[in-house]
Amino acid sequence: MIWVKFQTRNDAFVTLDVSGHADFREEGQDIVCAAVSLSSVGLLNAIDEMEPDSCELIKEDNHIHVQVLQDSEKLQTILTAFYHVYKTLEYRFRMYVRVRKTEVKS
C-alpha cells in the first residue's frame, strides 16, 4: 500500500509524506508505483522551480517528505493541485493508494 499523508494547519498544507509500495504488479511493471513516483518527483520539481527555498524536500527510497518552511499562495496552489492528483490515483487504484489529510493544532 502507498500512503500519502497531508497535514494542514488552519486549512493550509504544512507537510506531506508519501511512502510504501503498491505491489500492483512485479517491480518494473507496477503502473501504480510509477504513477505515484512520477507525481511525487513532479511535485518536488515544481516546488523547487516555482517556490525555491519554501520547503524542506526529502527524497529517499520509498519515501518523499515535504515540510513547508515559508508559506505562500503559490505554494498552497501547487500542494492543492497535487493533493487532487493523489486523490485521483486513490480513486482509480483504491486497493493500492490511500490519501489522508489531517488538521494539526497550532
N, C-alpha and C. Protein backbone atom coordinates (compact mmCIF):
# COMPACT_ATOMS: atom_id res chain seq x y z
N MET A 1 0.85 -1.18 0.00
CA MET A 1 0.00 0.00 0.00
C MET A 1 0.89 1.24 0.00
N ILE A 2 0.52 2.20 -0.81
CA ILE A 2 1.18 3.51 -0.80
C ILE A 2 0.33 4.44 0.05
N TRP A 3 0.97 5.08 1.01
CA TRP A 3 0.30 6.03 1.88
C TRP A 3 0.74 7.44 1.53
N VAL A 4 -0.23 8.31 1.32
CA VAL A 4 0.01 9.73 1.05
C VAL A 4 -0.67 10.49 2.18
N LYS A 5 0.14 11.15 3.00
CA LYS A 5 -0.39 11.81 4.19
C LYS A 5 -0.08 13.31 4.14
N PHE A 6 -1.14 14.08 4.06
CA PHE A 6 -1.04 15.54 4.12
C PHE A 6 -1.44 15.99 5.51
N GLN A 7 -0.73 16.97 6.03
CA GLN A 7 -1.15 17.64 7.25
C GLN A 7 -1.42 19.10 6.92
N THR A 8 -2.48 19.62 7.52
CA THR A 8 -2.84 21.02 7.34
C THR A 8 -2.89 21.71 8.70
N ARG A 9 -2.71 23.01 8.66
CA ARG A 9 -2.89 23.85 9.84
C ARG A 9 -3.67 25.05 9.36
N ASN A 10 -4.81 25.29 9.99
CA ASN A 10 -5.71 26.38 9.56
C ASN A 10 -6.02 26.26 8.07
N ASP A 11 -6.28 25.03 7.62
CA ASP A 11 -6.64 24.70 6.24
C ASP A 11 -5.53 24.93 5.22
N ALA A 12 -4.30 25.16 5.67
CA ALA A 12 -3.17 25.30 4.75
C ALA A 12 -2.27 24.07 4.90
N PHE A 13 -1.79 23.53 3.78
CA PHE A 13 -0.91 22.38 3.82
C PHE A 13 0.41 22.75 4.49
N VAL A 14 0.86 21.88 5.42
CA VAL A 14 2.13 22.13 6.11
C VAL A 14 3.13 20.99 5.93
N THR A 15 2.66 19.76 5.75
CA THR A 15 3.56 18.64 5.48
C THR A 15 2.89 17.65 4.53
N LEU A 16 3.75 16.88 3.88
CA LEU A 16 3.31 15.79 3.01
C LEU A 16 4.32 14.66 3.15
N ASP A 17 3.82 13.45 3.32
CA ASP A 17 4.65 12.26 3.32
C ASP A 17 4.05 11.23 2.37
N VAL A 18 4.88 10.68 1.52
CA VAL A 18 4.48 9.61 0.60
C VAL A 18 5.41 8.45 0.88
N SER A 19 4.84 7.26 1.15
CA SER A 19 5.68 6.11 1.46
C SER A 19 4.96 4.81 1.09
N GLY A 20 5.74 3.77 0.96
CA GLY A 20 5.19 2.44 0.73
C GLY A 20 5.37 1.93 -0.68
N HIS A 21 4.79 0.76 -0.91
CA HIS A 21 4.81 0.09 -2.21
C HIS A 21 3.38 -0.28 -2.58
N ALA A 22 3.04 -0.16 -3.84
CA ALA A 22 1.70 -0.52 -4.28
C ALA A 22 1.55 -2.04 -4.39
N ASP A 23 2.58 -2.72 -4.89
CA ASP A 23 2.51 -4.16 -5.15
C ASP A 23 1.36 -4.50 -6.10
N PHE A 24 1.12 -3.61 -7.06
CA PHE A 24 0.11 -3.83 -8.10
C PHE A 24 0.57 -4.91 -9.07
N ARG A 25 1.83 -4.84 -9.44
CA ARG A 25 2.48 -5.82 -10.31
C ARG A 25 3.93 -5.97 -9.83
N GLU A 26 4.68 -6.86 -10.46
CA GLU A 26 6.08 -7.04 -10.08
C GLU A 26 6.88 -5.78 -10.43
N GLU A 27 8.04 -5.65 -9.78
CA GLU A 27 8.90 -4.49 -9.99
C GLU A 27 9.19 -4.33 -11.48
N GLY A 28 9.12 -3.11 -11.96
CA GLY A 28 9.34 -2.82 -13.37
C GLY A 28 8.06 -2.84 -14.19
N GLN A 29 6.99 -3.39 -13.62
CA GLN A 29 5.70 -3.47 -14.31
C GLN A 29 4.58 -2.78 -13.52
N ASP A 30 4.93 -2.19 -12.39
CA ASP A 30 3.93 -1.64 -11.48
C ASP A 30 3.55 -0.22 -11.89
N ILE A 31 2.43 -0.10 -12.59
CA ILE A 31 1.99 1.22 -13.09
C ILE A 31 1.52 2.13 -11.96
N VAL A 32 1.06 1.57 -10.87
CA VAL A 32 0.62 2.39 -9.75
C VAL A 32 1.83 3.06 -9.09
N CYS A 33 2.88 2.26 -8.82
CA CYS A 33 4.10 2.84 -8.26
C CYS A 33 4.69 3.88 -9.21
N ALA A 34 4.66 3.57 -10.49
CA ALA A 34 5.20 4.51 -11.47
C ALA A 34 4.41 5.82 -11.45
N ALA A 35 3.10 5.75 -11.37
CA ALA A 35 2.28 6.96 -11.37
C ALA A 35 2.52 7.80 -10.12
N VAL A 36 2.59 7.15 -8.97
CA VAL A 36 2.84 7.88 -7.72
C VAL A 36 4.25 8.46 -7.71
N SER A 37 5.22 7.69 -8.17
CA SER A 37 6.60 8.18 -8.23
C SER A 37 6.72 9.38 -9.15
N LEU A 38 6.14 9.29 -10.33
CA LEU A 38 6.19 10.40 -11.27
C LEU A 38 5.51 11.64 -10.70
N SER A 39 4.36 11.46 -10.07
CA SER A 39 3.66 12.59 -9.46
C SER A 39 4.49 13.21 -8.35
N SER A 40 5.11 12.37 -7.53
CA SER A 40 5.89 12.87 -6.40
C SER A 40 7.12 13.64 -6.86
N VAL A 41 7.83 13.11 -7.84
CA VAL A 41 9.01 13.81 -8.36
C VAL A 41 8.58 15.10 -9.06
N GLY A 42 7.47 15.05 -9.77
CA GLY A 42 6.93 16.27 -10.39
C GLY A 42 6.60 17.33 -9.35
N LEU A 43 6.03 16.91 -8.23
CA LEU A 43 5.74 17.84 -7.14
C LEU A 43 7.02 18.47 -6.60
N LEU A 44 8.02 17.64 -6.32
CA LEU A 44 9.28 18.19 -5.81
C LEU A 44 9.91 19.15 -6.80
N ASN A 45 9.89 18.80 -8.07
CA ASN A 45 10.45 19.68 -9.10
C ASN A 45 9.67 20.99 -9.21
N ALA A 46 8.35 20.91 -9.13
CA ALA A 46 7.52 22.12 -9.21
C ALA A 46 7.82 23.06 -8.05
N ILE A 47 7.91 22.51 -6.84
CA ILE A 47 8.22 23.34 -5.68
C ILE A 47 9.61 23.94 -5.82
N ASP A 48 10.58 23.12 -6.20
CA ASP A 48 11.96 23.59 -6.31
C ASP A 48 12.10 24.68 -7.37
N GLU A 49 11.37 24.56 -8.46
CA GLU A 49 11.46 25.52 -9.55
C GLU A 49 10.63 26.78 -9.29
N MET A 50 9.41 26.61 -8.79
CA MET A 50 8.48 27.73 -8.68
C MET A 50 8.55 28.47 -7.34
N GLU A 51 8.93 27.76 -6.29
CA GLU A 51 8.99 28.36 -4.95
C GLU A 51 10.24 27.84 -4.23
N PRO A 52 11.42 28.12 -4.78
CA PRO A 52 12.66 27.61 -4.18
C PRO A 52 12.81 28.08 -2.73
N ASP A 53 13.37 27.22 -1.92
CA ASP A 53 13.64 27.51 -0.51
C ASP A 53 12.38 27.66 0.34
N SER A 54 11.22 27.33 -0.20
CA SER A 54 9.98 27.44 0.58
C SER A 54 9.72 26.21 1.42
N CYS A 55 10.38 25.09 1.06
CA CYS A 55 10.12 23.82 1.73
C CYS A 55 11.41 23.05 1.95
N GLU A 56 11.37 22.20 2.96
CA GLU A 56 12.38 21.17 3.09
C GLU A 56 11.88 20.01 2.23
N LEU A 57 12.70 19.57 1.29
CA LEU A 57 12.31 18.50 0.38
C LEU A 57 13.25 17.32 0.59
N ILE A 58 12.68 16.16 0.92
CA ILE A 58 13.47 14.96 1.15
C ILE A 58 12.95 13.86 0.24
N LYS A 59 13.87 13.24 -0.51
CA LYS A 59 13.53 12.10 -1.36
C LYS A 59 14.48 10.97 -1.02
N GLU A 60 13.94 9.91 -0.46
CA GLU A 60 14.70 8.72 -0.12
C GLU A 60 14.02 7.53 -0.78
N ASP A 61 14.63 6.36 -0.68
CA ASP A 61 13.98 5.16 -1.19
C ASP A 61 12.62 5.00 -0.53
N ASN A 62 11.59 4.94 -1.34
CA ASN A 62 10.22 4.68 -0.88
C ASN A 62 9.67 5.73 0.09
N HIS A 63 10.24 6.94 0.08
CA HIS A 63 9.72 7.97 0.96
C HIS A 63 9.99 9.36 0.39
N ILE A 64 8.95 10.17 0.37
CA ILE A 64 9.03 11.58 -0.01
C ILE A 64 8.50 12.37 1.18
N HIS A 65 9.21 13.43 1.55
CA HIS A 65 8.74 14.29 2.63
C HIS A 65 8.86 15.75 2.19
N VAL A 66 7.80 16.50 2.43
CA VAL A 66 7.77 17.93 2.16
C VAL A 66 7.34 18.63 3.44
N GLN A 67 8.14 19.57 3.88
CA GLN A 67 7.82 20.37 5.07
C GLN A 67 7.81 21.83 4.64
N VAL A 68 6.69 22.50 4.79
CA VAL A 68 6.59 23.91 4.42
C VAL A 68 7.37 24.74 5.42
N LEU A 69 8.28 25.58 4.90
CA LEU A 69 9.07 26.48 5.73
C LEU A 69 8.61 27.92 5.60
N GLN A 70 8.32 28.32 4.35
CA GLN A 70 7.84 29.68 4.07
C GLN A 70 6.61 29.55 3.18
N ASP A 71 5.45 29.78 3.75
CA ASP A 71 4.20 29.58 3.04
C ASP A 71 3.94 30.72 2.07
N SER A 72 3.21 30.40 1.00
CA SER A 72 2.77 31.41 0.05
C SER A 72 1.53 30.89 -0.66
N GLU A 73 0.82 31.79 -1.29
CA GLU A 73 -0.37 31.39 -2.04
C GLU A 73 0.01 30.45 -3.19
N LYS A 74 1.12 30.75 -3.86
CA LYS A 74 1.57 29.90 -4.97
C LYS A 74 1.90 28.49 -4.48
N LEU A 75 2.59 28.39 -3.35
CA LEU A 75 2.93 27.09 -2.80
C LEU A 75 1.66 26.31 -2.44
N GLN A 76 0.71 26.97 -1.84
CA GLN A 76 -0.55 26.30 -1.49
C GLN A 76 -1.29 25.83 -2.74
N THR A 77 -1.21 26.59 -3.81
CA THR A 77 -1.82 26.18 -5.08
C THR A 77 -1.15 24.92 -5.62
N ILE A 78 0.16 24.88 -5.56
CA ILE A 78 0.91 23.70 -6.01
C ILE A 78 0.50 22.48 -5.18
N LEU A 79 0.52 22.63 -3.87
CA LEU A 79 0.18 21.50 -2.99
C LEU A 79 -1.27 21.06 -3.16
N THR A 80 -2.17 22.00 -3.35
CA THR A 80 -3.57 21.66 -3.58
C THR A 80 -3.73 20.88 -4.88
N ALA A 81 -3.05 21.30 -5.92
CA ALA A 81 -3.13 20.60 -7.20
C ALA A 81 -2.64 19.16 -7.04
N PHE A 82 -1.53 18.97 -6.34
CA PHE A 82 -1.01 17.62 -6.17
C PHE A 82 -1.85 16.80 -5.20
N TYR A 83 -2.52 17.43 -4.26
CA TYR A 83 -3.47 16.72 -3.42
C TYR A 83 -4.53 16.07 -4.32
N HIS A 84 -5.01 16.83 -5.30
CA HIS A 84 -6.02 16.30 -6.20
C HIS A 84 -5.46 15.22 -7.14
N VAL A 85 -4.20 15.35 -7.52
CA VAL A 85 -3.56 14.29 -8.32
C VAL A 85 -3.55 12.99 -7.52
N TYR A 86 -3.08 13.06 -6.28
CA TYR A 86 -3.04 11.86 -5.45
C TYR A 86 -4.44 11.31 -5.18
N LYS A 87 -5.42 12.17 -4.95
CA LYS A 87 -6.80 11.71 -4.73
C LYS A 87 -7.34 11.01 -5.98
N THR A 88 -6.96 11.49 -7.16
CA THR A 88 -7.37 10.83 -8.40
C THR A 88 -6.77 9.43 -8.49
N LEU A 89 -5.49 9.31 -8.12
CA LEU A 89 -4.85 7.99 -8.11
C LEU A 89 -5.52 7.08 -7.08
N GLU A 90 -5.88 7.62 -5.93
CA GLU A 90 -6.58 6.82 -4.93
C GLU A 90 -7.92 6.34 -5.47
N TYR A 91 -8.65 7.23 -6.12
CA TYR A 91 -9.96 6.86 -6.67
C TYR A 91 -9.82 5.71 -7.68
N ARG A 92 -8.81 5.79 -8.53
CA ARG A 92 -8.63 4.78 -9.58
C ARG A 92 -8.03 3.48 -9.04
N PHE A 93 -7.13 3.60 -8.05
CA PHE A 93 -6.40 2.42 -7.54
C PHE A 93 -6.59 2.30 -6.02
N ARG A 94 -7.83 2.29 -5.60
CA ARG A 94 -8.21 2.32 -4.19
C ARG A 94 -7.54 1.24 -3.34
N MET A 95 -7.29 0.09 -3.91
CA MET A 95 -6.69 -1.01 -3.15
C MET A 95 -5.18 -0.84 -2.97
N TYR A 96 -4.59 0.16 -3.64
CA TYR A 96 -3.14 0.30 -3.64
C TYR A 96 -2.64 1.65 -3.16
N VAL A 97 -3.52 2.66 -3.13
CA VAL A 97 -3.13 4.02 -2.75
C VAL A 97 -4.16 4.56 -1.77
N ARG A 98 -3.68 5.10 -0.65
CA ARG A 98 -4.56 5.75 0.32
C ARG A 98 -4.05 7.15 0.59
N VAL A 99 -4.95 8.11 0.55
CA VAL A 99 -4.61 9.52 0.80
C VAL A 99 -5.35 9.96 2.06
N ARG A 100 -4.61 10.56 2.96
CA ARG A 100 -5.21 11.08 4.19
C ARG A 100 -4.78 12.54 4.36
N LYS A 101 -5.74 13.32 4.85
CA LYS A 101 -5.45 14.73 5.18
C LYS A 101 -5.95 14.96 6.59
N THR A 102 -5.04 15.42 7.45
CA THR A 102 -5.41 15.66 8.84
C THR A 102 -5.02 17.09 9.23
N GLU A 103 -5.82 17.67 10.06
CA GLU A 103 -5.58 19.01 10.58
C GLU A 103 -4.79 18.89 11.88
N VAL A 104 -3.71 19.65 11.99
CA VAL A 104 -2.91 19.66 13.21
C VAL A 104 -3.12 20.98 13.93
N LYS A 105 -2.96 20.94 15.22
CA LYS A 105 -3.14 22.16 16.03
C LYS A 105 -1.92 23.06 15.91
N SER A 106 -2.15 24.34 16.09
CA SER A 106 -1.06 25.33 16.02
C SER A 106 -0.06 25.17 17.10
